[in-house]
């Protein structure tokens, strides 16, 4: 097994920025899906809303886990690399 790649503060900051952008895009997708339901025939829009809602739910859970578990570990690793 090879050594893990270096992980510095700049890499961590980019990861956090990407995380925040994913949250923003999930919110925008959710808004647009509900808007679609208001503008389109409900029978035609419902499958899109259902599939999108499931994807958004999964994404929110994943992002929450990253926020609570993964990012703190990576931030600690980043501190170790700079020490």
N, C-alpha and C. Protein backbone atom coordinates (compact mmCIF):
# COMPACT_ATOMS: atom_id res chain seq x y z
N UNK A 1 0.85 -1.17 0.00
CA UNK A 1 0.00 0.00 0.00
C UNK A 1 0.90 1.24 0.00
N UNK A 2 0.58 2.18 -0.82
CA UNK A 2 1.40 3.39 -0.92
C UNK A 2 1.01 4.39 0.16
N UNK A 3 1.88 5.31 0.41
CA UNK A 3 1.63 6.36 1.40
C UNK A 3 0.52 7.27 0.91
N UNK A 4 -0.29 7.79 1.82
CA UNK A 4 -1.37 8.69 1.39
C UNK A 4 -0.78 9.99 0.83
N UNK A 5 -1.49 10.62 -0.09
CA UNK A 5 -0.98 11.87 -0.65
C UNK A 5 -0.95 12.96 0.42
N UNK A 6 -0.09 13.94 0.19
CA UNK A 6 -0.03 15.08 1.11
C UNK A 6 -1.36 15.82 1.08
N UNK A 7 -1.73 16.34 2.22
CA UNK A 7 -2.99 17.06 2.33
C UNK A 7 -2.72 18.33 3.12
N UNK A 8 -2.62 19.44 2.42
CA UNK A 8 -2.30 20.69 3.09
C UNK A 8 -3.54 21.56 3.27
N UNK A 9 -3.35 22.71 3.86
CA UNK A 9 -4.47 23.60 4.16
C UNK A 9 -5.18 24.06 2.89
N UNK A 10 -4.43 24.32 1.85
CA UNK A 10 -5.05 24.76 0.59
C UNK A 10 -5.97 23.68 0.03
N UNK A 11 -5.54 22.42 0.10
CA UNK A 11 -6.38 21.31 -0.37
C UNK A 11 -7.64 21.19 0.48
N UNK A 12 -7.48 21.37 1.79
CA UNK A 12 -8.64 21.32 2.69
C UNK A 12 -9.61 22.45 2.36
N UNK A 13 -9.10 23.65 2.17
CA UNK A 13 -9.95 24.79 1.85
C UNK A 13 -10.70 24.58 0.54
N UNK A 14 -10.06 23.99 -0.45
CA UNK A 14 -10.73 23.68 -1.72
C UNK A 14 -11.83 22.65 -1.50
N UNK A 15 -11.56 21.66 -0.67
CA UNK A 15 -12.55 20.63 -0.37
C UNK A 15 -13.78 21.23 0.32
N UNK A 16 -13.54 22.12 1.27
CA UNK A 16 -14.65 22.78 1.98
C UNK A 16 -15.45 23.64 1.00
N UNK A 17 -14.77 24.36 0.12
CA UNK A 17 -15.47 25.18 -0.88
C UNK A 17 -16.32 24.31 -1.79
N UNK A 18 -15.80 23.18 -2.23
CA UNK A 18 -16.58 22.25 -3.05
C UNK A 18 -17.77 21.70 -2.28
N UNK A 19 -17.58 21.42 -1.02
CA UNK A 19 -18.66 20.93 -0.16
C UNK A 19 -19.78 21.98 -0.09
N UNK A 20 -19.40 23.22 0.13
CA UNK A 20 -20.39 24.30 0.21
C UNK A 20 -21.11 24.49 -1.12
N UNK A 21 -20.39 24.36 -2.21
CA UNK A 21 -21.02 24.48 -3.53
C UNK A 21 -21.99 23.33 -3.77
N UNK A 22 -21.66 22.12 -3.32
CA UNK A 22 -22.58 20.98 -3.46
C UNK A 22 -23.86 21.22 -2.67
N UNK A 23 -23.75 21.80 -1.49
CA UNK A 23 -24.94 22.13 -0.70
C UNK A 23 -25.78 23.17 -1.44
N UNK A 24 -25.13 24.19 -1.98
CA UNK A 24 -25.86 25.23 -2.71
C UNK A 24 -26.58 24.65 -3.93
N UNK A 25 -25.90 23.79 -4.68
CA UNK A 25 -26.50 23.19 -5.86
C UNK A 25 -27.65 22.24 -5.50
N UNK A 26 -27.53 21.51 -4.41
CA UNK A 26 -28.63 20.64 -3.96
C UNK A 26 -29.85 21.48 -3.62
N UNK A 27 -29.64 22.61 -2.95
CA UNK A 27 -30.75 23.50 -2.63
C UNK A 27 -31.39 24.06 -3.89
N UNK A 28 -30.56 24.45 -4.86
CA UNK A 28 -31.08 24.98 -6.12
C UNK A 28 -31.86 23.92 -6.89
N UNK A 29 -31.35 22.69 -6.92
CA UNK A 29 -32.05 21.61 -7.60
C UNK A 29 -33.41 21.35 -6.94
N UNK A 30 -33.42 21.32 -5.62
CA UNK A 30 -34.68 21.10 -4.91
C UNK A 30 -35.69 22.19 -5.24
N UNK A 31 -35.23 23.43 -5.23
CA UNK A 31 -36.12 24.55 -5.56
C UNK A 31 -36.66 24.41 -6.98
N UNK A 32 -35.80 24.10 -7.94
CA UNK A 32 -36.23 23.99 -9.33
C UNK A 32 -37.18 22.81 -9.55
N UNK A 33 -36.98 21.72 -8.82
CA UNK A 33 -37.89 20.57 -8.94
C UNK A 33 -39.29 20.93 -8.44
N UNK A 34 -39.36 21.64 -7.34
CA UNK A 34 -40.68 22.03 -6.84
C UNK A 34 -41.32 23.07 -7.74
N UNK A 35 -40.51 23.92 -8.32
CA UNK A 35 -41.02 24.89 -9.29
C UNK A 35 -41.56 24.17 -10.52
N UNK A 36 -40.87 23.13 -10.96
CA UNK A 36 -41.33 22.33 -12.09
C UNK A 36 -42.73 21.78 -11.81
N UNK A 37 -42.94 21.31 -10.59
CA UNK A 37 -44.24 20.76 -10.23
C UNK A 37 -45.34 21.80 -10.27
N UNK A 38 -45.00 23.04 -9.99
CA UNK A 38 -46.00 24.11 -10.05
C UNK A 38 -46.32 24.50 -11.48
N UNK A 39 -45.33 24.38 -12.37
CA UNK A 39 -45.49 24.86 -13.74
C UNK A 39 -45.97 23.78 -14.71
N UNK A 40 -45.70 22.53 -14.42
CA UNK A 40 -46.00 21.44 -15.36
C UNK A 40 -47.19 20.62 -14.87
N UNK A 41 -47.63 19.75 -15.74
CA UNK A 41 -48.67 18.79 -15.41
C UNK A 41 -48.18 17.93 -14.25
N UNK A 42 -48.93 17.87 -13.17
CA UNK A 42 -48.51 17.16 -11.96
C UNK A 42 -48.18 15.70 -12.22
N UNK A 43 -48.93 15.04 -13.09
CA UNK A 43 -48.67 13.62 -13.38
C UNK A 43 -47.33 13.44 -14.09
N UNK A 44 -46.97 14.38 -14.93
CA UNK A 44 -45.70 14.28 -15.66
C UNK A 44 -44.53 14.70 -14.79
N UNK A 45 -44.74 15.65 -13.90
CA UNK A 45 -43.64 16.17 -13.07
C UNK A 45 -43.36 15.29 -11.86
N UNK A 46 -44.34 14.55 -11.39
CA UNK A 46 -44.20 13.77 -10.16
C UNK A 46 -43.02 12.79 -10.18
N UNK A 47 -42.80 12.02 -11.26
CA UNK A 47 -41.65 11.10 -11.25
C UNK A 47 -40.32 11.84 -11.15
N UNK A 48 -40.21 12.99 -11.79
CA UNK A 48 -38.98 13.78 -11.70
C UNK A 48 -38.78 14.30 -10.28
N UNK A 49 -39.85 14.77 -9.69
CA UNK A 49 -39.77 15.28 -8.32
C UNK A 49 -39.41 14.16 -7.35
N UNK A 50 -40.01 13.00 -7.53
CA UNK A 50 -39.73 11.87 -6.64
C UNK A 50 -38.26 11.43 -6.76
N UNK A 51 -37.79 11.25 -7.98
CA UNK A 51 -36.40 10.83 -8.19
C UNK A 51 -35.44 11.91 -7.70
N UNK A 52 -35.73 13.15 -8.01
CA UNK A 52 -34.89 14.25 -7.55
C UNK A 52 -34.89 14.36 -6.04
N UNK A 53 -36.04 14.17 -5.43
CA UNK A 53 -36.14 14.22 -3.97
C UNK A 53 -35.32 13.13 -3.31
N UNK A 54 -35.34 11.94 -3.88
CA UNK A 54 -34.53 10.85 -3.33
C UNK A 54 -33.04 11.15 -3.46
N UNK A 55 -32.64 11.66 -4.62
CA UNK A 55 -31.24 12.02 -4.83
C UNK A 55 -30.81 13.13 -3.88
N UNK A 56 -31.64 14.13 -3.72
CA UNK A 56 -31.32 15.24 -2.82
C UNK A 56 -31.23 14.74 -1.38
N UNK A 57 -32.13 13.86 -0.97
CA UNK A 57 -32.07 13.29 0.38
C UNK A 57 -30.78 12.54 0.62
N UNK A 58 -30.39 11.71 -0.34
CA UNK A 58 -29.13 10.97 -0.23
C UNK A 58 -27.94 11.93 -0.18
N UNK A 59 -27.95 12.92 -1.05
CA UNK A 59 -26.87 13.89 -1.08
C UNK A 59 -26.77 14.67 0.23
N UNK A 60 -27.90 15.08 0.77
CA UNK A 60 -27.89 15.80 2.06
C UNK A 60 -27.31 14.92 3.18
N UNK A 61 -27.70 13.66 3.22
CA UNK A 61 -27.15 12.75 4.23
C UNK A 61 -25.64 12.58 4.06
N UNK A 62 -25.20 12.42 2.82
CA UNK A 62 -23.78 12.27 2.54
C UNK A 62 -23.02 13.54 2.94
N UNK A 63 -23.54 14.69 2.57
CA UNK A 63 -22.88 15.95 2.91
C UNK A 63 -22.85 16.16 4.42
N UNK A 64 -23.90 15.76 5.12
CA UNK A 64 -23.92 15.89 6.57
C UNK A 64 -22.85 15.01 7.20
N UNK A 65 -22.73 13.77 6.71
CA UNK A 65 -21.67 12.88 7.22
C UNK A 65 -20.30 13.45 6.95
N UNK A 66 -20.11 13.98 5.77
CA UNK A 66 -18.82 14.61 5.46
C UNK A 66 -18.56 15.76 6.42
N UNK A 67 -19.57 16.59 6.64
CA UNK A 67 -19.41 17.74 7.52
C UNK A 67 -19.09 17.33 8.95
N UNK A 68 -19.73 16.27 9.42
CA UNK A 68 -19.58 15.87 10.82
C UNK A 68 -18.43 14.89 11.07
N UNK A 69 -18.06 14.09 10.07
CA UNK A 69 -17.07 13.05 10.28
C UNK A 69 -15.81 13.21 9.43
N UNK A 70 -15.97 13.42 8.15
CA UNK A 70 -14.82 13.41 7.24
C UNK A 70 -14.02 14.70 7.32
N UNK A 71 -14.70 15.84 7.22
CA UNK A 71 -13.97 17.11 7.22
C UNK A 71 -13.18 17.34 8.50
N UNK A 72 -13.72 17.03 9.69
CA UNK A 72 -12.89 17.19 10.90
C UNK A 72 -11.63 16.32 10.88
N UNK A 73 -11.73 15.10 10.37
CA UNK A 73 -10.55 14.24 10.27
C UNK A 73 -9.52 14.83 9.31
N UNK A 74 -10.00 15.31 8.19
CA UNK A 74 -9.09 15.89 7.21
C UNK A 74 -8.46 17.18 7.72
N UNK A 75 -9.22 17.95 8.46
CA UNK A 75 -8.66 19.17 9.03
C UNK A 75 -7.56 18.84 10.03
N UNK A 76 -7.76 17.80 10.83
CA UNK A 76 -6.72 17.37 11.77
C UNK A 76 -5.49 16.89 11.02
N UNK A 77 -5.69 16.15 9.94
CA UNK A 77 -4.57 15.70 9.11
C UNK A 77 -3.83 16.89 8.52
N UNK A 78 -4.56 17.88 8.10
CA UNK A 78 -3.97 19.09 7.54
C UNK A 78 -3.11 19.79 8.59
N UNK A 79 -3.59 19.85 9.83
CA UNK A 79 -2.79 20.46 10.91
C UNK A 79 -1.52 19.67 11.16
N UNK A 80 -1.62 18.32 11.11
CA UNK A 80 -0.44 17.47 11.31
C UNK A 80 0.58 17.69 10.20
N UNK A 81 0.12 17.85 8.97
CA UNK A 81 1.03 18.07 7.84
C UNK A 81 1.79 19.39 7.99
N UNK A 82 1.13 20.40 8.56
CA UNK A 82 1.78 21.70 8.67
C UNK A 82 2.68 21.81 9.90
N UNK A 83 2.58 20.85 10.82
CA UNK A 83 3.39 20.90 12.05
C UNK A 83 4.79 20.39 11.82
